[in-house]
Amino acid sequence: MEPVRTCVGCRARAPRATLTRVVAFDTQLVLDESASMPGRGAWVHATRECVDAAIRRRAFGRALRVSGSLDTQTLQNHFQRNG
């Protein structure tokens, strides 16, 4: 049975293989493409719509249990370049 995670952007449940893991490194959001970085991770569909929704709803901070603001610029740049 394949693990299921919830996208923090659209709140839909999906197989882990179809989502991208994001972690907080200091105050910056970083893609964890190998899904092996230490610490809490937030899962999001690899679409600009889901990433934008998660940023707009401030879902990354809640999911990662980080107080204060997170730098989302690197994450936004990645998804703007890659569609």
C-alpha atoms as a PDB file:
ATOM      1  CA  MET A   1       0.000   0.000   0.000  1.00  0.00           C
ATOM      2  CA  GLU A   2       1.436   3.337  -1.077  1.00  0.00           C
ATOM      3  CA  PRO A   3       1.717   6.173   1.497  1.00  0.00           C
ATOM      4  CA  VAL A   4      -0.794   9.006   1.120  1.00  0.00           C
ATOM      5  CA  ARG A   5      -0.120  12.647   1.997  1.00  0.00           C
ATOM      6  CA  THR A   6      -2.229  15.832   1.922  1.00  0.00           C
ATOM      7  CA  CYS A   7      -1.273  18.762  -0.312  1.00  0.00           C
ATOM      8  CA  VAL A   8      -1.028  21.939   1.796  1.00  0.00           C
ATOM      9  CA  GLY A   9      -2.179  23.978  -1.215  1.00  0.00           C
ATOM     10  CA  CYS A  10      -5.399  22.330  -2.364  1.00  0.00           C
ATOM     11  CA  ARG A  11      -5.884  20.055   0.694  1.00  0.00           C
ATOM     12  CA  ALA A  12      -6.436  17.015  -1.556  1.00  0.00           C
ATOM     13  CA  ARG A  13      -5.052  13.641  -0.501  1.00  0.00           C
ATOM     14  CA  ALA A  14      -2.697  12.065  -3.030  1.00  0.00           C
ATOM     15  CA  PRO A  15      -0.059   9.343  -3.223  1.00  0.00           C
ATOM     16  CA  ARG A  16       3.292  10.471  -1.860  1.00  0.00           C
ATOM     17  CA  ALA A  17       4.940   9.891  -5.252  1.00  0.00           C
ATOM     18  CA  THR A  18       2.804  12.613  -6.868  1.00  0.00           C
ATOM     19  CA  LEU A  19       3.666  15.317  -4.303  1.00  0.00           C
ATOM     20  CA  THR A  20       6.807  17.345  -3.604  1.00  0.00           C
ATOM     21  CA  ARG A  21       8.199  17.688  -0.079  1.00  0.00           C
ATOM     22  CA  VAL A  22       9.191  21.143   1.188  1.00  0.00           C
ATOM     23  CA  VAL A  23      11.193  21.801   4.357  1.00  0.00           C
ATOM     24  CA  ALA A  24      12.169  24.957   6.223  1.00  0.00           C
ATOM     25  CA  PHE A  25      15.893  25.646   6.415  1.00  0.00           C
ATOM     26  CA  ASP A  26      16.292  28.564   8.840  1.00  0.00           C
ATOM     27  CA  THR A  27      13.588  30.889   7.476  1.00  0.00           C
ATOM     28  CA  GLN A  28      13.740  29.760   3.855  1.00  0.00           C
ATOM     29  CA  LEU A  29      11.585  27.129   2.159  1.00  0.00           C
ATOM     30  CA  VAL A  30      13.646  24.501   0.335  1.00  0.00           C
ATOM     31  CA  LEU A  31      12.531  21.737  -2.022  1.00  0.00           C
ATOM     32  CA  ASP A  32      13.390  18.294  -0.697  1.00  0.00           C
ATOM     33  CA  GLU A  33      13.388  16.409  -3.986  1.00  0.00           C
ATOM     34  CA  SER A  34      14.804  13.225  -2.460  1.00  0.00           C
ATOM     35  CA  ALA A  35      12.307  13.427   0.450  1.00  0.00           C
ATOM     36  CA  SER A  36      15.118  12.602   2.878  1.00  0.00           C
ATOM     37  CA  MET A  37      16.072  15.897   4.542  1.00  0.00           C
ATOM     38  CA  PRO A  38      15.720  15.967   8.325  1.00  0.00           C
ATOM     39  CA  GLY A  39      12.880  17.726  10.079  1.00  0.00           C
ATOM     40  CA  ARG A  40       9.219  18.307   9.367  1.00  0.00           C
ATOM     41  CA  GLY A  41       8.090  18.422   5.794  1.00  0.00           C
ATOM     42  CA  ALA A  42       5.097  19.877   4.024  1.00  0.00           C
ATOM     43  CA  TRP A  43       3.772  18.165   0.911  1.00  0.00           C
ATOM     44  CA  VAL A  44       2.476  20.076  -2.110  1.00  0.00           C
ATOM     45  CA  HIS A  45       1.533  19.267  -5.698  1.00  0.00           C
ATOM     46  CA  ALA A  46       4.234  20.423  -8.120  1.00  0.00           C
ATOM     47  CA  THR A  47       1.944  23.019  -9.699  1.00  0.00           C
ATOM     48  CA  ARG A  48       2.090  26.757  -9.440  1.00  0.00           C
ATOM     49  CA  GLU A  49      -1.590  26.870  -8.417  1.00  0.00           C
ATOM     50  CA  CYS A  50      -1.082  24.666  -5.346  1.00  0.00           C
ATOM     51  CA  VAL A  51       2.131  26.431  -4.321  1.00  0.00           C
ATOM     52  CA  ASP A  52       0.488  29.866  -4.680  1.00  0.00           C
ATOM     53  CA  ALA A  53      -2.551  28.707  -2.696  1.00  0.00           C
ATOM     54  CA  ALA A  54      -0.322  27.370   0.090  1.00  0.00           C
ATOM     55  CA  ILE A  55       1.636  30.628   0.243  1.00  0.00           C
ATOM     56  CA  ARG A  56      -1.533  32.751   0.171  1.00  0.00           C
ATOM     57  CA  ARG A  57      -3.094  30.679   2.990  1.00  0.00           C
ATOM     58  CA  ARG A  58       0.211  30.631   4.941  1.00  0.00           C
ATOM     59  CA  ALA A  59      -0.083  26.852   5.042  1.00  0.00           C
ATOM     60  CA  PHE A  60       3.659  26.177   4.923  1.00  0.00           C
ATOM     61  CA  GLY A  61       4.267  27.902   8.257  1.00  0.00           C
ATOM     62  CA  ARG A  62       1.478  25.956   9.942  1.00  0.00           C
ATOM     63  CA  ALA A  63       2.442  22.606   8.434  1.00  0.00           C
ATOM     64  CA  LEU A  64       6.113  23.063   9.308  1.00  0.00           C
ATOM     65  CA  ARG A  65       5.286  24.560  12.719  1.00  0.00           C
ATOM     66  CA  VAL A  66       7.444  27.617  12.109  1.00  0.00           C
ATOM     67  CA  SER A  67       6.593  30.855  13.867  1.00  0.00           C
ATOM     68  CA  GLY A  68       7.208  34.028  11.934  1.00  0.00           C
ATOM     69  CA  SER A  69       7.431  34.501   8.209  1.00  0.00           C
ATOM     70  CA  LEU A  70       9.117  32.179   5.746  1.00  0.00           C
ATOM     71  CA  ASP A  71      11.070  33.222   2.653  1.00  0.00           C
ATOM     72  CA  THR A  72       9.145  31.679  -0.224  1.00  0.00           C
ATOM     73  CA  GLN A  73      11.029  33.385  -3.061  1.00  0.00           C
ATOM     74  CA  THR A  74      13.211  30.369  -3.962  1.00  0.00           C
ATOM     75  CA  LEU A  75      10.168  28.108  -4.073  1.00  0.00           C
ATOM     76  CA  GLN A  76       8.181  30.568  -6.195  1.00  0.00           C
ATOM     77  CA  ASN A  77      11.090  31.020  -8.610  1.00  0.00           C
ATOM     78  CA  HIS A  78      11.443  27.259  -9.034  1.00  0.00           C
ATOM     79  CA  PHE A  79       7.790  26.774  -9.956  1.00  0.00           C
ATOM     80  CA  GLN A  80       7.699  29.821 -12.239  1.00  0.00           C
ATOM     81  CA  ARG A  81      10.674  28.438 -14.207  1.00  0.00           C
ATOM     82  CA  ASN A  82       9.334  24.901 -14.348  1.00  0.00           C
ATOM     83  CA  GLY A  83       5.694  25.669 -14.957  1.00  0.00           C
END
